Amino acid sequence: MGRPYQPSLLRLLHGLTALLVLGCWLSGLFVYSRYDGRWGRLPFVPGGSWIDLHGQVGWFLLPVGLAFTAYALTLGKARLRRATNAMALVALVLAVATGKLMQEDWLRDGELHHLVYSLHLVAWLVIGLAVLVHVAGSLQLGGWPLVVSMSNTSLREGDLPGDWPSQIRRYLKRKR
C-alpha cells in the first residue's frame, strides 16, 4: 500500500488552523491562569499582555477557520463522517464564535460571570480534548503515515495551488 496523500488545500488550511489553534489554546491558558484561575493556575505565567496576544491570534484564526470550515463542509465533507474530525470542527466553531462575542475588559475587570465567557471556557476545554481525540483517531485509522501525510510538502499533478479553483468548480458542478 502506498503512502497516504492529502490534498494540498486541506494540508494548508489544516496546518494554518492547527498552528493558530495551538497559539490560541496556549495563550488562553496563560490568560485563564492570570485573570481567572478558579480551577487552578499555572505556577508561572510569563509577563506580557496575554489577553491582547490571545485576541490577535484569534483575529487571524477567524478567516483561516472560516476557510477551513468551508473546505470541510464542501470538498472535505466525506472526512466529517469521522466523529473525531466533526468534533474538532465543532469545537473550533464554538471557540471562535464565543471568542468573538467576548469583550477583553471582562477579565481585566474580574467579570467572570458572563455566559459567553463560560461557553468560551467550555470551548477551550473541548477543543483541547477534540485535538487529542482527533490525533488519536488519525493514528488509529492510518497510523503515523496518515499523521505525517498532513505535513508532507510534496504535490501531485492536478493538486497545485493553481488547481484549487478548478477543484472547487468541479465540486460545485457535481452539487448542481
N, C-alpha and C. Protein backbone atom coordinates (compact mmCIF):
# COMPACT_ATOMS: atom_id res chain seq x y z
N MET A 1 0.85 -1.18 0.00
CA MET A 1 0.00 0.00 0.00
C MET A 1 0.89 1.24 0.00
N GLY A 2 0.55 2.23 -0.82
CA GLY A 2 1.33 3.46 -0.94
C GLY A 2 1.12 4.37 0.26
N ARG A 3 1.93 5.39 0.33
CA ARG A 3 1.80 6.38 1.39
C ARG A 3 0.52 7.18 1.18
N PRO A 4 -0.17 7.53 2.28
CA PRO A 4 -1.38 8.35 2.15
C PRO A 4 -1.03 9.72 1.57
N TYR A 5 -1.95 10.28 0.80
CA TYR A 5 -1.76 11.61 0.24
C TYR A 5 -2.99 12.44 0.60
N GLN A 6 -2.74 13.61 1.14
CA GLN A 6 -3.82 14.55 1.47
C GLN A 6 -3.79 15.70 0.47
N PRO A 7 -4.96 16.17 0.04
CA PRO A 7 -4.99 17.30 -0.88
C PRO A 7 -4.24 18.51 -0.31
N SER A 8 -3.56 19.23 -1.17
CA SER A 8 -2.71 20.33 -0.72
C SER A 8 -3.51 21.46 -0.06
N LEU A 9 -4.70 21.75 -0.55
CA LEU A 9 -5.52 22.80 0.07
C LEU A 9 -5.91 22.38 1.49
N LEU A 10 -6.25 21.12 1.67
CA LEU A 10 -6.56 20.62 3.00
C LEU A 10 -5.34 20.75 3.91
N ARG A 11 -4.18 20.35 3.44
CA ARG A 11 -2.97 20.43 4.26
C ARG A 11 -2.68 21.87 4.66
N LEU A 12 -2.82 22.80 3.72
CA LEU A 12 -2.55 24.21 4.02
C LEU A 12 -3.52 24.74 5.07
N LEU A 13 -4.82 24.56 4.83
CA LEU A 13 -5.81 25.09 5.77
C LEU A 13 -5.74 24.38 7.12
N HIS A 14 -5.56 23.07 7.10
CA HIS A 14 -5.45 22.29 8.33
C HIS A 14 -4.23 22.74 9.13
N GLY A 15 -3.09 22.90 8.45
CA GLY A 15 -1.86 23.31 9.13
C GLY A 15 -1.95 24.69 9.74
N LEU A 16 -2.47 25.65 8.96
CA LEU A 16 -2.62 27.00 9.49
C LEU A 16 -3.59 27.02 10.67
N THR A 17 -4.70 26.31 10.53
CA THR A 17 -5.68 26.24 11.61
C THR A 17 -5.06 25.62 12.85
N ALA A 18 -4.32 24.53 12.67
CA ALA A 18 -3.69 23.85 13.81
C ALA A 18 -2.72 24.78 14.54
N LEU A 19 -1.88 25.50 13.80
CA LEU A 19 -0.93 26.41 14.43
C LEU A 19 -1.63 27.54 15.18
N LEU A 20 -2.67 28.10 14.56
CA LEU A 20 -3.39 29.20 15.22
C LEU A 20 -4.18 28.70 16.43
N VAL A 21 -4.77 27.51 16.32
CA VAL A 21 -5.49 26.94 17.47
C VAL A 21 -4.51 26.70 18.62
N LEU A 22 -3.33 26.17 18.32
CA LEU A 22 -2.33 25.96 19.36
C LEU A 22 -1.94 27.29 20.01
N GLY A 23 -1.74 28.32 19.20
CA GLY A 23 -1.42 29.64 19.74
C GLY A 23 -2.53 30.18 20.63
N CYS A 24 -3.77 30.02 20.18
CA CYS A 24 -4.91 30.47 20.99
C CYS A 24 -5.04 29.66 22.27
N TRP A 25 -4.86 28.35 22.15
CA TRP A 25 -5.03 27.49 23.31
C TRP A 25 -3.99 27.82 24.37
N LEU A 26 -2.72 27.94 23.97
CA LEU A 26 -1.66 28.24 24.94
C LEU A 26 -1.80 29.64 25.53
N SER A 27 -2.07 30.62 24.69
CA SER A 27 -2.24 31.98 25.22
C SER A 27 -3.49 32.04 26.10
N GLY A 28 -4.52 31.28 25.75
CA GLY A 28 -5.73 31.20 26.58
C GLY A 28 -5.44 30.59 27.94
N LEU A 29 -4.53 29.62 27.97
CA LEU A 29 -4.12 29.02 29.25
C LEU A 29 -3.47 30.08 30.14
N PHE A 30 -2.62 30.92 29.56
CA PHE A 30 -1.98 31.99 30.33
C PHE A 30 -3.01 33.04 30.77
N VAL A 31 -3.95 33.38 29.89
CA VAL A 31 -4.99 34.35 30.24
C VAL A 31 -5.82 33.80 31.40
N TYR A 32 -6.25 32.56 31.26
CA TYR A 32 -7.06 31.94 32.32
C TYR A 32 -6.30 31.93 33.65
N SER A 33 -5.04 31.53 33.59
CA SER A 33 -4.25 31.42 34.81
C SER A 33 -4.03 32.77 35.47
N ARG A 34 -3.87 33.80 34.67
CA ARG A 34 -3.62 35.14 35.23
C ARG A 34 -4.91 35.81 35.74
N TYR A 35 -6.01 35.72 35.00
CA TYR A 35 -7.20 36.51 35.32
C TYR A 35 -8.33 35.72 35.98
N ASP A 36 -8.31 34.41 35.87
CA ASP A 36 -9.41 33.62 36.41
C ASP A 36 -8.85 32.61 37.41
N GLY A 37 -8.44 31.49 36.96
CA GLY A 37 -7.78 30.51 37.81
C GLY A 37 -8.65 29.86 38.86
N ARG A 38 -9.97 29.88 38.70
CA ARG A 38 -10.86 29.27 39.69
C ARG A 38 -10.57 27.79 39.90
N TRP A 39 -10.14 27.10 38.87
CA TRP A 39 -9.90 25.65 38.94
C TRP A 39 -8.41 25.34 38.83
N GLY A 40 -7.59 26.28 39.22
CA GLY A 40 -6.14 26.07 39.21
C GLY A 40 -5.43 27.10 38.36
N ARG A 41 -4.20 27.32 38.71
CA ARG A 41 -3.35 28.27 37.99
C ARG A 41 -2.03 27.61 37.65
N LEU A 42 -1.43 28.11 36.61
CA LEU A 42 -0.07 27.68 36.31
C LEU A 42 0.86 28.25 37.37
N PRO A 43 1.92 27.54 37.73
CA PRO A 43 2.81 28.08 38.75
C PRO A 43 3.55 29.33 38.29
N PHE A 44 3.72 29.48 36.98
CA PHE A 44 4.42 30.65 36.47
C PHE A 44 3.77 31.07 35.15
N VAL A 45 3.37 32.32 35.06
CA VAL A 45 2.83 32.88 33.83
C VAL A 45 3.78 33.98 33.38
N PRO A 46 4.38 33.83 32.21
CA PRO A 46 5.30 34.88 31.73
C PRO A 46 4.59 36.23 31.65
N GLY A 47 5.35 37.28 31.84
CA GLY A 47 4.79 38.62 31.73
C GLY A 47 4.36 38.92 30.31
N GLY A 48 3.57 39.93 30.17
CA GLY A 48 3.08 40.34 28.85
C GLY A 48 1.58 40.48 28.85
N SER A 49 1.09 41.02 27.78
CA SER A 49 -0.35 41.23 27.64
C SER A 49 -0.96 40.02 26.92
N TRP A 50 -1.21 38.96 27.66
CA TRP A 50 -1.70 37.72 27.07
C TRP A 50 -3.10 37.87 26.49
N ILE A 51 -3.92 38.73 27.08
CA ILE A 51 -5.26 38.95 26.54
C ILE A 51 -5.15 39.52 25.13
N ASP A 52 -4.28 40.50 24.95
CA ASP A 52 -4.11 41.10 23.62
C ASP A 52 -3.55 40.09 22.62
N LEU A 53 -2.55 39.32 23.04
CA LEU A 53 -1.98 38.31 22.14
C LEU A 53 -3.03 37.26 21.79
N HIS A 54 -3.78 36.81 22.77
CA HIS A 54 -4.84 35.82 22.55
C HIS A 54 -5.86 36.36 21.54
N GLY A 55 -6.24 37.61 21.71
CA GLY A 55 -7.19 38.23 20.78
C GLY A 55 -6.62 38.38 19.38
N GLN A 56 -5.34 38.72 19.28
CA GLN A 56 -4.72 38.87 17.96
C GLN A 56 -4.63 37.54 17.23
N VAL A 57 -4.23 36.49 17.94
CA VAL A 57 -4.16 35.17 17.30
C VAL A 57 -5.56 34.73 16.91
N GLY A 58 -6.54 35.00 17.77
CA GLY A 58 -7.93 34.69 17.45
C GLY A 58 -8.43 35.46 16.24
N TRP A 59 -7.96 36.70 16.10
CA TRP A 59 -8.34 37.52 14.94
C TRP A 59 -7.85 36.87 13.65
N PHE A 60 -6.63 36.31 13.66
CA PHE A 60 -6.11 35.60 12.49
C PHE A 60 -6.81 34.26 12.29
N LEU A 61 -7.22 33.64 13.40
CA LEU A 61 -7.89 32.34 13.30
C LEU A 61 -9.27 32.47 12.65
N LEU A 62 -9.93 33.59 12.82
CA LEU A 62 -11.28 33.75 12.27
C LEU A 62 -11.34 33.50 10.76
N PRO A 63 -10.59 34.23 9.92
CA PRO A 63 -10.71 33.97 8.48
C PRO A 63 -10.14 32.60 8.08
N VAL A 64 -9.06 32.17 8.74
CA VAL A 64 -8.50 30.85 8.42
C VAL A 64 -9.49 29.76 8.82
N GLY A 65 -10.08 29.91 10.00
CA GLY A 65 -11.08 28.94 10.46
C GLY A 65 -12.31 28.92 9.56
N LEU A 66 -12.72 30.08 9.08
CA LEU A 66 -13.86 30.13 8.15
C LEU A 66 -13.53 29.41 6.85
N ALA A 67 -12.33 29.65 6.32
CA ALA A 67 -11.91 28.96 5.10
C ALA A 67 -11.81 27.46 5.33
N PHE A 68 -11.26 27.05 6.46
CA PHE A 68 -11.13 25.63 6.77
C PHE A 68 -12.52 24.99 6.93
N THR A 69 -13.43 25.69 7.60
CA THR A 69 -14.79 25.18 7.77
C THR A 69 -15.49 25.06 6.43
N ALA A 70 -15.32 26.06 5.57
CA ALA A 70 -15.91 25.99 4.22
C ALA A 70 -15.35 24.79 3.46
N TYR A 71 -14.04 24.57 3.55
CA TYR A 71 -13.43 23.41 2.90
C TYR A 71 -14.02 22.12 3.47
N ALA A 72 -14.09 22.05 4.81
CA ALA A 72 -14.57 20.82 5.46
C ALA A 72 -16.01 20.51 5.08
N LEU A 73 -16.83 21.53 4.92
CA LEU A 73 -18.24 21.32 4.60
C LEU A 73 -18.49 21.08 3.11
N THR A 74 -17.46 21.28 2.30
CA THR A 74 -17.63 21.08 0.85
C THR A 74 -16.68 19.98 0.39
N LEU A 75 -15.49 20.33 0.00
CA LEU A 75 -14.54 19.36 -0.55
C LEU A 75 -14.16 18.28 0.46
N GLY A 76 -14.18 18.58 1.72
CA GLY A 76 -13.79 17.61 2.74
C GLY A 76 -14.94 16.97 3.47
N LYS A 77 -16.13 17.08 2.91
CA LYS A 77 -17.34 16.60 3.60
C LYS A 77 -17.26 15.12 3.98
N ALA A 78 -16.67 14.30 3.13
CA ALA A 78 -16.57 12.87 3.43
C ALA A 78 -15.76 12.63 4.71
N ARG A 79 -14.77 13.48 4.97
CA ARG A 79 -13.94 13.32 6.17
C ARG A 79 -14.71 13.66 7.44
N LEU A 80 -15.79 14.42 7.32
CA LEU A 80 -16.58 14.78 8.50
C LEU A 80 -17.43 13.63 9.00
N ARG A 81 -17.49 12.53 8.25
CA ARG A 81 -18.22 11.36 8.73
C ARG A 81 -17.50 10.73 9.92
N ARG A 82 -16.20 10.99 10.03
CA ARG A 82 -15.46 10.52 11.21
C ARG A 82 -15.76 11.47 12.36
N ALA A 83 -16.23 10.90 13.45
CA ALA A 83 -16.64 11.71 14.60
C ALA A 83 -15.50 12.57 15.12
N THR A 84 -14.26 12.07 15.05
CA THR A 84 -13.13 12.85 15.57
C THR A 84 -12.92 14.12 14.76
N ASN A 85 -13.13 14.06 13.46
CA ASN A 85 -13.00 15.24 12.62
C ASN A 85 -14.14 16.22 12.88
N ALA A 86 -15.36 15.70 12.97
CA ALA A 86 -16.51 16.56 13.21
C ALA A 86 -16.41 17.24 14.57
N MET A 87 -15.97 16.49 15.58
CA MET A 87 -15.84 17.06 16.93
C MET A 87 -14.83 18.21 16.95
N ALA A 88 -13.71 18.03 16.28
CA ALA A 88 -12.71 19.09 16.24
C ALA A 88 -13.24 20.33 15.52
N LEU A 89 -13.99 20.14 14.44
CA LEU A 89 -14.53 21.29 13.71
C LEU A 89 -15.59 22.02 14.53
N VAL A 90 -16.46 21.28 15.20
CA VAL A 90 -17.49 21.91 16.04
C VAL A 90 -16.82 22.68 17.19
N ALA A 91 -15.78 22.10 17.78
CA ALA A 91 -15.06 22.79 18.86
C ALA A 91 -14.42 24.08 18.35
N LEU A 92 -13.86 24.03 17.15
CA LEU A 92 -13.26 25.23 16.54
C LEU A 92 -14.32 26.32 16.36
N VAL A 93 -15.45 25.97 15.80
CA VAL A 93 -16.52 26.95 15.57
C VAL A 93 -17.00 27.54 16.89
N LEU A 94 -17.19 26.70 17.90
CA LEU A 94 -17.64 27.18 19.22
C LEU A 94 -16.60 28.12 19.84
N ALA A 95 -15.33 27.76 19.75
CA ALA A 95 -14.29 28.59 20.34
C ALA A 95 -14.20 29.95 19.65
N VAL A 96 -14.21 29.95 18.33
CA VAL A 96 -14.10 31.22 17.60
C VAL A 96 -15.35 32.08 17.81
N ALA A 97 -16.52 31.47 17.73
CA ALA A 97 -17.76 32.23 17.88
C ALA A 97 -17.86 32.87 19.26
N THR A 98 -17.60 32.11 20.30
CA THR A 98 -17.70 32.68 21.65
C THR A 98 -16.58 33.68 21.91
N GLY A 99 -15.41 33.42 21.34
CA GLY A 99 -14.31 34.38 21.50
C GLY A 99 -14.64 35.72 20.89
N LYS A 100 -15.29 35.70 19.74
CA LYS A 100 -15.64 36.96 19.08
C LYS A 100 -16.76 37.71 19.81
N LEU A 101 -17.55 37.00 20.60
CA LEU A 101 -18.63 37.65 21.34
C LEU A 101 -18.16 38.25 22.67
N MET A 102 -16.97 37.87 23.10
CA MET A 102 -16.45 38.36 24.38
C MET A 102 -15.88 39.77 24.26
N GLN A 103 -15.79 40.41 25.41
CA GLN A 103 -15.11 41.70 25.49
C GLN A 103 -13.89 41.52 26.38
N GLU A 104 -12.73 41.95 25.89
CA GLU A 104 -11.48 41.67 26.61
C GLU A 104 -11.42 42.31 27.99
N ASP A 105 -12.15 43.37 28.22
CA ASP A 105 -12.12 44.04 29.53
C ASP A 105 -12.85 43.25 30.61
N TRP A 106 -13.70 42.31 30.23
CA TRP A 106 -14.39 41.49 31.23
C TRP A 106 -13.38 40.85 32.19
N LEU A 107 -12.37 40.23 31.64
CA LEU A 107 -11.42 39.53 32.50
C LEU A 107 -10.55 40.51 33.28
N ARG A 108 -10.13 41.57 32.63
CA ARG A 108 -9.31 42.58 33.33
C ARG A 108 -10.08 43.20 34.50
N ASP A 109 -11.40 43.31 34.34
CA ASP A 109 -12.25 43.88 35.39
C ASP A 109 -12.76 42.82 36.37
N GLY A 110 -12.36 41.57 36.18
CA GLY A 110 -12.78 40.49 37.08
C GLY A 110 -14.20 40.02 36.84
N GLU A 111 -14.77 40.34 35.69
CA GLU A 111 -16.14 39.93 35.37
C GLU A 111 -16.13 38.53 34.76
N LEU A 112 -16.24 37.52 35.63
CA LEU A 112 -16.14 36.14 35.19
C LEU A 112 -17.51 35.47 35.06
N HIS A 113 -18.57 36.22 35.24
CA HIS A 113 -19.91 35.67 35.30
C HIS A 113 -20.64 35.62 33.95
N HIS A 114 -20.07 36.14 32.90
CA HIS A 114 -20.76 36.23 31.61
C HIS A 114 -20.92 34.83 30.99
N LEU A 115 -22.11 34.56 30.48
CA LEU A 115 -22.40 33.27 29.85
C LEU A 115 -21.46 33.00 28.68
N VAL A 116 -21.17 34.01 27.89
CA VAL A 116 -20.29 33.83 26.73
C VAL A 116 -18.89 33.42 27.18
N TYR A 117 -18.41 33.99 28.28
CA TYR A 117 -17.10 33.60 28.80
C TYR A 117 -17.12 32.14 29.26
N SER A 118 -18.18 31.74 29.93
CA SER A 118 -18.30 30.35 30.36
C SER A 118 -18.32 29.41 29.16
N LEU A 119 -19.04 29.79 28.11
CA LEU A 119 -19.06 28.97 26.90
C LEU A 119 -17.68 28.93 26.23
N HIS A 120 -16.97 30.05 26.29
CA HIS A 120 -15.62 30.09 25.72
C HIS A 120 -14.67 29.16 26.49
N LEU A 121 -14.82 29.11 27.82
CA LEU A 121 -14.03 28.17 28.61
C LEU A 121 -14.36 26.73 28.24
N VAL A 122 -15.64 26.45 28.06
CA VAL A 122 -16.05 25.10 27.64
C VAL A 122 -15.44 24.78 26.27
N ALA A 123 -15.50 25.75 25.37
CA ALA A 123 -14.92 25.55 24.03
C ALA A 123 -13.42 25.30 24.13
N TRP A 124 -12.75 26.01 25.03
CA TRP A 124 -11.31 25.85 25.23
C TRP A 124 -11.00 24.42 25.69
N LEU A 125 -11.80 23.91 26.62
CA LEU A 125 -11.61 22.53 27.08
C LEU A 125 -11.95 21.52 25.99
N VAL A 126 -13.06 21.76 25.30
CA VAL A 126 -13.50 20.83 24.26
C VAL A 126 -12.50 20.79 23.12
N ILE A 127 -11.96 21.94 22.73
CA ILE A 127 -11.01 21.93 21.61
C ILE A 127 -9.72 21.21 22.01
N GLY A 128 -9.29 21.34 23.25
CA GLY A 128 -8.13 20.58 23.71
C GLY A 128 -8.40 19.08 23.64
N LEU A 129 -9.55 18.67 24.13
CA LEU A 129 -9.95 17.26 24.08
C LEU A 129 -10.14 16.81 22.63
N ALA A 130 -10.77 17.66 21.82
CA ALA A 130 -11.04 17.30 20.42
C ALA A 130 -9.75 17.08 19.65
N VAL A 131 -8.75 17.90 19.89
CA VAL A 131 -7.47 17.72 19.19
C VAL A 131 -6.83 16.39 19.60
N LEU A 132 -6.86 16.08 20.88
CA LEU A 132 -6.30 14.80 21.35
C LEU A 132 -7.04 13.62 20.72
N VAL A 133 -8.36 13.67 20.72
CA VAL A 133 -9.17 12.60 20.15
C VAL A 133 -8.95 12.53 18.63
N HIS A 134 -8.84 13.68 17.99
CA HIS A 134 -8.61 13.75 16.55
C HIS A 134 -7.28 13.09 16.16
N VAL A 135 -6.22 13.42 16.89
CA VAL A 135 -4.92 12.83 16.60
C VAL A 135 -4.94 11.33 16.91
N ALA A 136 -5.54 10.95 18.03
CA ALA A 136 -5.63 9.52 18.37
C ALA A 136 -6.43 8.76 17.31
N GLY A 137 -7.53 9.36 16.84
CA GLY A 137 -8.32 8.72 15.80
C GLY A 137 -7.56 8.59 14.49
N SER A 138 -6.78 9.59 14.17
CA SER A 138 -5.96 9.52 12.95
C SER A 138 -4.89 8.44 13.07
N LEU A 139 -4.30 8.33 14.26
CA LEU A 139 -3.30 7.29 14.48
C LEU A 139 -3.94 5.90 14.39
N GLN A 140 -5.14 5.79 14.92
CA GLN A 140 -5.85 4.51 14.86
C GLN A 140 -6.24 4.16 13.43
N LEU A 141 -6.67 5.14 12.68
CA LEU A 141 -7.13 4.91 11.31
C LEU A 141 -5.99 4.59 10.35
N GLY A 142 -4.93 5.40 10.39
CA GLY A 142 -3.86 5.21 9.41
C GLY A 142 -2.46 5.20 9.98
N GLY A 143 -2.34 5.29 11.30
CA GLY A 143 -1.03 5.28 11.93
C GLY A 143 -0.23 6.53 11.62
N TRP A 144 1.08 6.44 11.89
CA TRP A 144 1.95 7.58 11.65
C TRP A 144 1.98 8.01 10.20
N PRO A 145 1.89 7.08 9.22
CA PRO A 145 1.90 7.55 7.83
C PRO A 145 0.76 8.54 7.54
N LEU A 146 -0.42 8.32 8.11
CA LEU A 146 -1.54 9.25 7.90
C LEU A 146 -1.25 10.59 8.57
N VAL A 147 -0.77 10.55 9.80
CA VAL A 147 -0.48 11.79 10.53
C VAL A 147 0.61 12.59 9.81
N VAL A 148 1.66 11.90 9.37
CA VAL A 148 2.77 12.57 8.68
C VAL A 148 2.31 13.12 7.32
N SER A 149 1.33 12.47 6.70
CA SER A 149 0.87 12.93 5.37
C SER A 149 0.25 14.32 5.43
N MET A 150 -0.17 14.76 6.61
CA MET A 150 -0.74 16.11 6.74
C MET A 150 0.35 17.19 6.68
N SER A 151 1.59 16.80 6.93
CA SER A 151 2.67 17.80 6.86
C SER A 151 3.59 17.57 5.66
N ASN A 152 3.22 16.66 4.80
CA ASN A 152 4.00 16.39 3.60
C ASN A 152 3.95 17.61 2.67
N THR A 153 5.07 17.98 2.11
CA THR A 153 5.10 19.16 1.23
C THR A 153 5.09 18.80 -0.25
N SER A 154 5.07 17.52 -0.57
CA SER A 154 5.06 17.15 -1.99
C SER A 154 3.66 17.36 -2.58
N LEU A 155 3.66 17.66 -3.88
CA LEU A 155 2.41 17.92 -4.58
C LEU A 155 2.29 16.97 -5.77
N ARG A 156 1.09 16.54 -6.03
CA ARG A 156 0.82 15.68 -7.18
C ARG A 156 0.30 16.54 -8.33
N GLU A 157 0.41 15.98 -9.49
CA GLU A 157 -0.17 16.64 -10.68
C GLU A 157 -1.66 16.87 -10.43
N GLY A 158 -2.13 18.06 -10.72
CA GLY A 158 -3.54 18.40 -10.53
C GLY A 158 -3.87 18.88 -9.13
N ASP A 159 -2.87 18.95 -8.25
CA ASP A 159 -3.11 19.40 -6.89
C ASP A 159 -2.21 20.57 -6.51
N LEU A 160 -1.81 21.34 -7.49
CA LEU A 160 -1.01 22.54 -7.25
C LEU A 160 -1.94 23.67 -6.83
N PRO A 161 -1.42 24.69 -6.16
CA PRO A 161 -2.30 25.81 -5.78
C PRO A 161 -3.09 26.39 -6.95
N GLY A 162 -2.51 26.41 -8.13
CA GLY A 162 -3.24 26.90 -9.30
C GLY A 162 -4.41 26.02 -9.70
N ASP A 163 -4.44 24.79 -9.19
CA ASP A 163 -5.53 23.86 -9.49
C ASP A 163 -6.70 23.97 -8.51
N TRP A 164 -6.52 24.70 -7.42
CA TRP A 164 -7.58 24.79 -6.42
C TRP A 164 -8.88 25.36 -6.97
N PRO A 165 -8.87 26.44 -7.77
CA PRO A 165 -10.14 26.95 -8.30
C PRO A 165 -10.89 25.90 -9.14
N SER A 166 -10.16 25.14 -9.95
CA SER A 166 -10.84 24.12 -10.76
C SER A 166 -11.37 22.99 -9.89
N GLN A 167 -10.68 22.66 -8.80
CA GLN A 167 -11.19 21.64 -7.87
C GLN A 167 -12.51 22.10 -7.25
N ILE A 168 -12.56 23.36 -6.89
CA ILE A 168 -13.78 23.91 -6.29
C ILE A 168 -14.90 23.96 -7.33
N ARG A 169 -14.57 24.38 -8.56
CA ARG A 169 -15.59 24.41 -9.62
C ARG A 169 -16.16 23.02 -9.89
N ARG A 170 -15.29 22.00 -9.94
CA ARG A 170 -15.75 20.63 -10.15
C ARG A 170 -16.68 20.20 -9.04
N TYR A 171 -16.35 20.54 -7.83
CA TYR A 171 -17.21 20.19 -6.69
C TYR A 171 -18.57 20.87 -6.83
N LEU A 172 -18.57 22.16 -7.15
CA LEU A 172 -19.82 22.90 -7.27
C LEU A 172 -20.68 22.37 -8.41
N LYS A 173 -20.05 21.97 -9.51
CA LYS A 173 -20.82 21.39 -10.65
C LYS A 173 -21.46 20.07 -10.26
N ARG A 174 -20.76 19.25 -9.46
CA ARG A 174 -21.32 17.98 -9.02
C ARG A 174 -22.53 18.20 -8.14
N LYS A 175 -22.58 19.29 -7.42
CA LYS A 175 -23.67 19.56 -6.47
C LYS A 175 -24.91 20.12 -7.13
N ARG A 176 -24.82 20.49 -8.38
CA ARG A 176 -26.00 21.06 -9.06
C ARG A 176 -26.96 19.99 -9.48
